Amino acid sequence: MNKIFINIIILFFAINAYPNQTNHIQTIYLGSGCFWGAEKGYESIKGVIDAESGYANGYGVKPNYRSIIQFKNKYNKNNFAEVVKITFNSNTTNLEDILIHFFENHDPTQSNRQGNDIGTQYRSTILFANESQKELSIQIMNKYQSLLTDAGYGKIRTKIESLDNFYLAEDYHQDYLKKNPNGYCPDHSTGIVFNKQKKEAIDNTSLLAGKQILILDSKDYCPYCEKLKKNVTNKYSGSIPLTYRTSDQLHGLLIKSPTWATPSVIFLDNGKEVFGHQGYIEPKDFYKILGKFKLGNSEAYDVAFNKSTDSRFCKEYQIFKNTPDGIFIDKLSGDPLFDTKDRFVSRSGWLSFTKPVDGSVYELPDNSFGMRRTEIRSVSSDIHLGHVFDDGPNGMPRYCINATVLEFKARKNTI
């Protein structure tokens, strides 16, 4: 089923939901840089029936992506603009709200660019269909200019002009963020809003002490941010604190990475960025970066990521072999791995257990060094933990585990 047919169905139901009021179905064309993130933003507004990416008001250039991004058209004033065609029901929302969203969610003071996207196709533009849309656009722009001027910003560069032509972008551009789940949502907004509400200042004092994980979150809905929370950060319970902030809440921190991409994962040491990652990151890659950040060039890092082995009777083994009742957890994710109730003395020089916590580890065949063994890895962080053998007490397995990749939590007394 192609998108045109789907749009016809959507319009049919929208019209029938408001009988005899088809004049409330309106359309506006807005350009604010790359249309991928903008499209998703408009779709999140209640009352917007559809948002479609396309090319508008170009002359002498073919209306396709390959043509408009050619170097010869980068500064061509007749190049097409990347725009979003927004179809909305004014019974539910109105053009003023959509224009407010437009201005608040990009930087209209930038000419022919948004962030690192540079060229005339990224120009800020409002393409009106009638005089009432034109007049309202000018009114909203003048109000926003006043707010920007008060905040120290320059002149708005948004072009307000009539729609002369529009062509739908290629299918792979439509609903781009849904089709490409491992990217980021660009945020080029100025942070200046029309209805400014007094907010309590964010206290970043805790982020200035020691190692910290900072997640740069979106002010609005961002599918990549939600995916990161679902697959990674909401499951994280490691010992390094993890904190969420938006781009306007970073005062007092020394951040090197651009702050316009969400999500971004930034690793801080005493308030200063050590390194960062822009966009969604898979759990395995998140923990590999975290491992380097937390463990450095250590024996523990070699064990976790290079399948090395602790020295026999190492310092951590000596500490962990006689702990009180409790749980051994993954050194990176904080997830429970082994229980002291299942620990026994094997005299091998490594921690030994008869079983792991249910669902906490998985096994892989290991034929390295001319031996046939079974490797044990953590489900949560995918780090190497050790091996399992069949020579445990009373016919049970022996999970031979490296102490350097574990941390210990004493069990709380229950009454």
Protein backbone atom coordinates (compact mmCIF):
# COMPACT_ATOMS: atom_id res chain seq x y z
CA MET A 1 0.00 0.00 0.00
CA ASN A 2 1.71 3.23 -1.13
CA LYS A 3 1.80 6.44 0.88
CA ILE A 4 -0.56 8.35 -1.45
CA PHE A 5 -3.32 5.77 -0.89
CA ILE A 6 -2.68 5.84 2.86
CA ASN A 7 -2.98 9.63 2.84
CA ILE A 8 -6.32 9.42 1.03
CA ILE A 9 -7.62 7.05 3.71
CA ILE A 10 -6.33 9.32 6.50
CA LEU A 11 -7.99 12.36 4.94
CA PHE A 12 -11.24 10.44 4.43
CA PHE A 13 -11.49 9.55 8.11
CA ALA A 14 -10.36 13.00 9.20
CA ILE A 15 -13.03 14.65 7.09
CA ASN A 16 -15.76 12.27 8.26
CA ALA A 17 -14.77 12.82 11.88
CA TYR A 18 -15.84 16.45 11.40
CA PRO A 19 -18.81 16.35 8.97
CA ASN A 20 -19.44 19.45 6.85
CA GLN A 21 -16.20 20.99 8.07
CA THR A 22 -13.69 20.01 5.43
CA ASN A 23 -12.38 23.59 5.40
CA HIS A 24 -10.67 22.78 8.69
CA ILE A 25 -8.19 20.52 6.90
CA GLN A 26 -5.26 22.84 6.18
CA THR A 27 -1.72 22.56 4.85
CA ILE A 28 1.48 24.52 5.44
CA TYR A 29 5.02 23.92 4.11
CA LEU A 30 7.94 24.55 6.49
CA GLY A 31 11.70 24.24 6.02
CA SER A 32 14.04 24.16 9.02
CA GLY A 33 17.10 22.25 7.87
CA CYS A 34 17.17 18.50 7.37
CA PHE A 35 13.60 17.26 7.06
CA TRP A 36 14.15 13.91 8.84
CA GLY A 37 13.88 15.13 12.42
CA ALA A 38 11.49 17.95 11.56
CA GLU A 39 8.99 15.50 10.07
CA LYS A 40 8.91 13.45 13.26
CA GLY A 41 8.49 16.58 15.37
CA TYR A 42 5.41 17.75 13.49
CA GLU A 43 3.86 14.29 13.59
CA SER A 44 4.01 14.43 17.39
CA ILE A 45 1.68 17.46 17.47
CA LYS A 46 -1.91 16.52 18.27
CA GLY A 47 -4.13 17.44 15.33
CA VAL A 48 -1.47 16.96 12.67
CA ILE A 49 -2.88 14.45 10.20
CA ASP A 50 0.31 13.88 8.24
CA ALA A 51 3.83 15.23 7.78
CA GLU A 52 5.63 14.47 4.51
CA SER A 53 9.18 15.30 3.50
CA GLY A 54 9.75 16.98 0.16
CA TYR A 55 11.43 19.62 -1.97
CA ALA A 56 9.93 23.06 -2.61
CA ASN A 57 10.47 26.32 -4.50
CA GLY A 58 13.38 25.23 -6.64
CA TYR A 59 14.09 26.25 -10.22
CA GLY A 60 16.45 24.73 -12.78
CA VAL A 61 17.37 21.86 -10.46
CA LYS A 62 15.92 18.35 -10.57
CA PRO A 63 13.67 17.76 -7.54
CA ASN A 64 15.53 14.79 -6.10
CA TYR A 65 18.00 14.34 -3.27
CA ARG A 66 20.97 13.47 -5.47
CA SER A 67 20.60 16.72 -7.41
CA ILE A 68 20.03 19.16 -4.57
CA ILE A 69 23.08 17.97 -2.61
CA GLN A 70 25.49 18.35 -5.53
CA PHE A 71 28.33 20.72 -4.73
CA LYS A 72 27.36 23.05 -7.59
CA ASN A 73 23.98 23.56 -5.93
CA LYS A 74 25.26 24.01 -2.38
CA TYR A 75 25.00 27.81 -2.61
CA ASN A 76 22.60 27.95 -5.55
CA LYS A 77 19.86 30.41 -4.57
CA ASN A 78 17.48 28.57 -6.93
CA ASN A 79 18.07 25.21 -5.25
CA PHE A 80 15.12 23.38 -3.72
CA ALA A 81 14.57 23.65 0.03
CA GLU A 82 14.07 20.57 2.16
CA VAL A 83 10.62 21.11 3.64
CA VAL A 84 7.89 19.25 5.45
CA LYS A 85 4.33 19.37 4.14
CA ILE A 86 2.12 19.49 7.23
CA THR A 87 -1.55 18.59 6.92
CA PHE A 88 -3.54 19.40 10.06
CA ASN A 89 -7.07 19.73 11.39
CA SER A 90 -7.62 23.21 12.79
CA ASN A 91 -10.39 21.89 15.03
CA THR A 92 -7.69 20.14 17.04
CA THR A 93 -4.65 22.37 16.54
CA ASN A 94 -4.01 25.65 14.76
CA LEU A 95 -1.42 27.22 12.51
CA GLU A 96 -0.13 29.43 15.32
CA ASP A 97 0.85 26.40 17.42
CA ILE A 98 2.57 24.79 14.43
CA LEU A 99 4.51 27.98 13.66
CA ILE A 100 5.54 28.29 17.31
CA HIS A 101 6.85 24.71 17.13
CA PHE A 102 8.67 25.64 13.90
CA PHE A 103 10.52 28.59 15.42
CA GLU A 104 11.26 26.93 18.75
CA ASN A 105 12.76 23.79 17.20
CA HIS A 106 15.49 25.20 14.96
CA ASP A 107 17.76 28.23 14.80
CA PRO A 108 16.13 30.70 12.38
CA THR A 109 19.05 33.13 12.73
CA GLN A 110 21.27 30.81 10.68
CA SER A 111 21.38 31.47 6.95
CA ASN A 112 21.33 28.44 4.62
CA ARG A 113 22.38 26.02 7.32
CA GLN A 114 21.40 24.23 10.52
CA GLY A 115 24.35 23.02 12.57
CA ASN A 116 26.69 21.00 10.36
CA ASP A 117 24.13 20.85 7.52
CA ILE A 118 25.24 23.62 5.18
CA GLY A 119 23.68 24.67 1.87
CA THR A 120 20.70 26.49 0.42
CA GLN A 121 18.58 23.34 0.66
CA TYR A 122 18.75 23.73 4.46
CA ARG A 123 17.37 27.30 4.49
CA SER A 124 14.76 28.33 7.02
CA THR A 125 11.53 29.03 5.16
CA ILE A 126 7.75 29.30 5.54
CA LEU A 127 5.81 28.69 2.32
CA PHE A 128 2.26 29.98 2.63
CA ALA A 129 -0.83 29.02 0.64
CA ASN A 130 -2.87 32.19 1.25
CA GLU A 131 -2.64 35.70 2.66
CA SER A 132 -3.93 34.76 6.12
CA GLN A 133 -1.11 32.24 6.51
CA LYS A 134 1.37 34.90 5.35
CA GLU A 135 0.12 37.51 7.82
CA LEU A 136 0.15 35.08 10.76
CA SER A 137 3.66 33.88 9.85
CA ILE A 138 4.95 37.45 9.88
CA GLN A 139 3.28 38.15 13.23
CA ILE A 140 4.75 35.04 14.87
CA MET A 141 8.18 35.71 13.37
CA ASN A 142 8.19 39.31 14.70
CA LYS A 143 7.27 38.08 18.18
CA TYR A 144 10.07 35.53 18.09
CA GLN A 145 12.53 38.12 16.81
CA SER A 146 11.78 40.23 19.88
CA LEU A 147 12.46 37.26 22.18
CA LEU A 148 15.67 36.39 20.36
CA THR A 149 16.90 39.98 20.45
CA ASP A 150 16.35 40.13 24.20
CA ALA A 151 18.42 36.94 24.53
CA GLY A 152 21.29 38.33 22.45
CA TYR A 153 20.58 36.55 19.16
CA GLY A 154 20.82 38.18 15.74
CA LYS A 155 18.33 38.73 12.94
CA ILE A 156 15.97 35.96 11.85
CA ARG A 157 16.86 34.70 8.37
CA THR A 158 13.61 32.80 7.72
CA LYS A 159 12.18 33.46 4.26
CA ILE A 160 8.40 33.82 4.15
CA GLU A 161 7.13 33.37 0.60
CA SER A 162 4.33 31.79 -1.39
CA LEU A 163 4.52 28.13 -2.35
CA ASP A 164 5.42 27.85 -6.03
CA ASN A 165 6.16 24.14 -6.33
CA PHE A 166 6.48 21.04 -4.17
CA TYR A 167 7.67 17.50 -4.88
CA LEU A 168 7.52 14.60 -2.44
CA ALA A 169 10.95 13.33 -1.46
CA GLU A 170 12.01 9.78 -2.22
CA ASP A 171 10.29 7.06 -0.21
CA TYR A 172 13.38 6.31 1.90
CA HIS A 173 13.19 9.86 3.28
CA GLN A 174 9.60 9.43 4.49
CA ASP A 175 9.36 8.44 8.19
CA TYR A 176 13.15 8.30 8.16
CA LEU A 177 13.58 8.05 11.92
CA LYS A 178 11.29 5.02 12.04
CA LYS A 179 13.19 3.30 9.26
CA ASN A 180 16.62 4.03 10.75
CA PRO A 181 16.47 3.17 14.45
CA ASN A 182 20.17 3.61 15.32
CA GLY A 183 20.68 7.30 14.65
CA TYR A 184 20.11 10.52 16.55
CA CYS A 185 17.61 13.39 16.64
CA PRO A 186 19.20 16.74 15.70
CA ASP A 187 18.42 19.64 18.03
CA HIS A 188 19.46 23.00 16.59
CA SER A 189 17.00 25.02 18.67
CA THR A 190 18.06 28.26 20.34
CA GLY A 191 16.37 27.32 23.60
CA ILE A 192 14.24 30.48 23.40
CA VAL A 193 10.51 29.75 23.80
CA PHE A 194 7.36 31.86 23.47
CA ASN A 195 5.73 30.91 26.76
CA LYS A 196 8.70 30.88 29.06
CA GLN A 197 7.97 29.26 32.38
CA LYS A 198 10.21 29.89 35.31
CA LYS A 199 12.28 26.79 35.96
CA GLU A 200 14.33 25.93 38.95
CA ALA A 201 18.02 26.02 38.15
CA ILE A 202 19.52 22.58 37.68
CA ASP A 203 22.19 21.79 40.24
CA ASN A 204 25.14 20.11 38.53
CA THR A 205 27.30 19.95 41.63
CA SER A 206 27.10 16.16 41.78
CA LEU A 207 28.40 15.94 38.20
CA LEU A 208 31.58 17.77 39.16
CA ALA A 209 32.82 14.99 41.44
CA GLY A 210 34.52 11.85 40.14
CA LYS A 211 33.40 9.71 37.23
CA GLN A 212 29.90 10.33 35.86
CA ILE A 213 27.79 9.19 32.90
CA LEU A 214 25.77 12.01 31.33
CA ILE A 215 22.94 11.27 28.89
CA LEU A 216 22.03 14.22 26.70
CA ASP A 217 18.26 13.85 26.32
CA SER A 218 15.78 15.55 24.00
CA LYS A 219 13.42 18.26 25.20
CA ASP A 220 10.72 16.70 23.04
CA TYR A 221 9.94 13.19 21.86
CA CYS A 222 12.96 11.48 20.29
CA PRO A 223 12.62 7.83 19.23
CA TYR A 224 16.36 7.23 19.56
CA CYS A 225 16.31 8.60 23.12
CA GLU A 226 13.44 6.30 24.03
CA LYS A 227 15.19 3.33 22.46
CA LEU A 228 18.38 4.07 24.42
CA LYS A 229 16.39 4.23 27.66
CA LYS A 230 14.55 1.00 26.90
CA ASN A 231 17.55 -1.06 25.82
CA VAL A 232 20.42 0.44 27.80
CA THR A 233 20.09 3.15 30.41
CA ASN A 234 16.91 2.02 32.19
CA LYS A 235 18.57 -1.36 32.75
CA TYR A 236 21.86 0.09 33.95
CA SER A 237 22.57 -0.17 37.69
CA GLY A 238 26.35 0.16 37.77
CA SER A 239 28.38 2.02 40.38
CA ILE A 240 29.14 5.06 38.20
CA PRO A 241 26.16 7.44 38.50
CA LEU A 242 24.09 8.06 35.36
CA THR A 243 22.26 11.37 34.91
CA TYR A 244 19.98 12.85 32.23
CA ARG A 245 20.26 16.46 31.07
CA THR A 246 19.04 18.53 28.11
CA SER A 247 21.32 20.81 26.12
CA ASP A 248 20.30 23.87 28.16
CA GLN A 249 21.16 22.21 31.49
CA LEU A 250 24.93 21.82 31.12
CA HIS A 251 26.15 24.89 33.01
CA GLY A 252 29.36 24.34 34.93
CA LEU A 253 30.36 21.31 32.82
CA LEU A 254 33.20 21.22 30.30
CA ILE A 255 31.60 19.51 27.29
CA LYS A 256 33.59 19.07 24.07
CA SER A 257 30.99 17.18 22.02
CA PRO A 258 28.35 19.07 20.00
CA THR A 259 25.16 19.21 22.05
CA TRP A 260 22.66 19.30 19.17
CA ALA A 261 22.39 15.51 18.74
CA THR A 262 20.17 13.44 21.03
CA PRO A 263 20.76 11.09 22.55
CA SER A 264 24.44 11.61 23.32
CA VAL A 265 26.36 9.62 25.92
CA ILE A 266 29.07 11.70 27.60
CA PHE A 267 31.57 10.35 30.11
CA LEU A 268 32.72 12.94 32.66
CA ASP A 269 35.61 13.00 35.10
CA ASN A 270 35.28 15.79 37.67
CA GLY A 271 32.88 17.67 35.39
CA LYS A 272 35.08 17.47 32.29
CA GLU A 273 34.24 15.34 29.26
CA VAL A 274 36.65 12.46 28.71
CA PHE A 275 34.88 11.21 25.60
CA GLY A 276 31.38 11.03 24.17
CA HIS A 277 29.20 9.23 21.66
CA GLN A 278 26.50 10.86 19.54
CA GLY A 279 23.33 8.96 18.70
CA TYR A 280 21.85 5.66 19.78
CA ILE A 281 24.33 3.06 20.93
CA GLU A 282 23.80 -0.69 21.33
CA PRO A 283 24.26 -2.17 24.84
CA LYS A 284 27.40 -4.08 23.85
CA ASP A 285 29.08 -0.93 22.52
CA PHE A 286 27.93 1.17 25.48
CA TYR A 287 29.58 -1.23 27.91
CA LYS A 288 32.77 -1.42 25.89
CA ILE A 289 33.15 2.38 26.11
CA LEU A 290 32.16 2.29 29.78
CA GLY A 291 34.75 -0.44 30.34
CA LYS A 292 37.52 1.73 28.95
CA PHE A 293 36.28 4.68 31.01
CA LYS A 294 35.98 2.78 34.28
CA LEU A 295 38.70 0.14 34.02
CA GLY A 296 41.33 1.89 31.90
CA ASN A 297 44.36 -0.16 30.84
CA SER A 298 43.98 -2.73 33.59
CA GLU A 299 43.91 -6.46 34.10
CA ALA A 300 40.15 -6.18 34.56
CA TYR A 301 39.74 -4.59 31.10
CA ASP A 302 41.84 -7.32 29.48
CA VAL A 303 39.71 -9.97 31.17
CA ALA A 304 36.41 -8.31 30.26
CA PHE A 305 37.12 -7.51 26.61
CA ASN A 306 40.16 -9.51 25.55
CA LYS A 307 39.21 -12.80 27.26
CA SER A 308 42.29 -12.69 29.46
CA THR A 309 42.49 -14.48 32.83
CA ASP A 310 43.18 -13.14 36.32
CA SER A 311 46.44 -14.05 37.96
CA ARG A 312 45.95 -16.96 40.34
CA PHE A 313 45.18 -15.84 43.89
CA CYS A 314 45.02 -12.22 42.73
CA LYS A 315 44.22 -9.39 45.12
CA GLU A 316 40.51 -9.31 44.23
CA TYR A 317 40.28 -13.06 44.74
CA GLN A 318 41.78 -12.73 48.20
CA ILE A 319 39.16 -10.10 49.05
CA PHE A 320 36.16 -11.88 47.56
CA LYS A 321 36.82 -15.45 48.70
CA ASN A 322 35.70 -14.72 52.28
CA THR A 323 33.03 -12.02 51.92
CA PRO A 324 29.91 -12.04 54.09
CA ASP A 325 26.59 -13.22 52.68
CA GLY A 326 25.69 -11.36 49.48
CA ILE A 327 25.73 -11.08 45.70
CA PHE A 328 28.55 -10.70 43.19
CA ILE A 329 27.55 -8.25 40.47
CA ASP A 330 28.76 -7.31 36.98
CA LYS A 331 31.45 -4.65 37.44
CA LEU A 332 30.01 -2.55 34.62
CA SER A 333 26.24 -3.08 34.49
CA GLY A 334 25.67 -3.79 38.19
CA ASP A 335 23.50 -6.81 37.40
CA PRO A 336 23.61 -9.80 39.83
CA LEU A 337 25.74 -12.69 38.57
CA PHE A 338 26.61 -15.05 41.43
CA ASP A 339 25.42 -15.66 45.00
CA THR A 340 27.66 -16.42 47.96
CA LYS A 341 25.29 -19.29 48.75
CA ASP A 342 26.64 -21.03 45.65
CA ARG A 343 30.32 -20.23 46.29
CA PHE A 344 32.77 -22.92 47.30
CA VAL A 345 36.52 -23.25 47.82
CA SER A 346 38.10 -25.04 44.87
CA ARG A 347 41.71 -24.19 45.75
CA SER A 348 42.21 -23.29 42.11
CA GLY A 349 43.10 -19.67 42.79
CA TRP A 350 39.89 -18.35 41.16
CA LEU A 351 36.41 -17.79 42.54
CA SER A 352 34.25 -20.88 42.12
CA PHE A 353 30.46 -21.27 42.11
CA THR A 354 28.10 -24.16 41.44
CA LYS A 355 25.67 -21.99 39.47
CA PRO A 356 25.02 -18.39 38.35
CA VAL A 357 22.00 -16.24 39.12
CA ASP A 358 19.21 -17.38 36.79
CA GLY A 359 19.38 -15.71 33.38
CA SER A 360 22.48 -13.68 34.19
CA VAL A 361 25.06 -15.43 31.98
CA TYR A 362 25.28 -17.25 28.69
CA GLU A 363 27.71 -19.85 27.32
CA LEU A 364 29.90 -19.98 24.23
CA PRO A 365 32.27 -22.70 22.98
CA ASP A 366 35.93 -21.73 23.48
CA ASN A 367 38.58 -23.68 21.56
CA SER A 368 41.44 -21.26 22.14
CA PHE A 369 44.92 -22.41 23.17
CA GLY A 370 44.21 -25.91 21.85
CA MET A 371 41.64 -26.59 24.60
CA ARG A 372 37.91 -27.32 24.45
CA ARG A 373 36.20 -25.19 27.06
CA THR A 374 32.91 -23.42 27.65
CA GLU A 375 33.16 -19.67 28.07
CA ILE A 376 30.83 -17.74 30.41
CA ARG A 377 29.73 -14.20 29.50
CA SER A 378 27.47 -11.66 31.16
CA VAL A 379 24.06 -11.24 29.54
CA SER A 380 23.79 -7.56 30.50
CA SER A 381 27.21 -6.20 29.46
CA ASP A 382 28.53 -9.09 27.31
CA ILE A 383 31.86 -9.08 29.15
CA HIS A 384 33.95 -12.22 29.57
CA LEU A 385 33.60 -13.73 33.06
CA GLY A 386 35.43 -17.06 32.95
CA HIS A 387 34.65 -20.71 32.13
CA VAL A 388 32.48 -23.52 33.40
CA PHE A 389 33.84 -27.02 34.06
CA ASP A 390 32.23 -30.31 35.11
CA ASP A 391 34.42 -30.93 38.16
CA GLY A 392 32.41 -29.16 40.86
CA PRO A 393 31.36 -30.71 44.20
CA ASN A 394 28.89 -33.62 44.19
CA GLY A 395 28.75 -33.80 40.40
CA MET A 396 27.78 -30.14 40.02
CA PRO A 397 29.43 -27.68 37.62
CA ARG A 398 32.30 -25.42 38.63
CA TYR A 399 31.94 -21.87 37.38
CA CYS A 400 35.52 -20.59 37.43
CA ILE A 401 35.14 -16.80 37.51
CA ASN A 402 37.60 -13.92 37.30
CA ALA A 403 37.30 -11.74 40.39
CA THR A 404 38.55 -8.57 38.69
CA VAL A 405 35.33 -8.18 36.65
CA LEU A 406 33.06 -8.47 39.70
CA GLU A 407 31.91 -6.21 42.49
CA PHE A 408 30.30 -7.35 45.72
CA LYS A 409 27.13 -6.28 47.51
CA ALA A 410 26.42 -7.57 50.98
CA ARG A 411 22.93 -8.92 51.46
CA LYS A 412 20.72 -6.71 53.56
CA ASN A 413 19.53 -8.36 56.75
CA THR A 414 15.85 -9.23 56.66
CA ILE A 415 13.72 -9.58 59.76
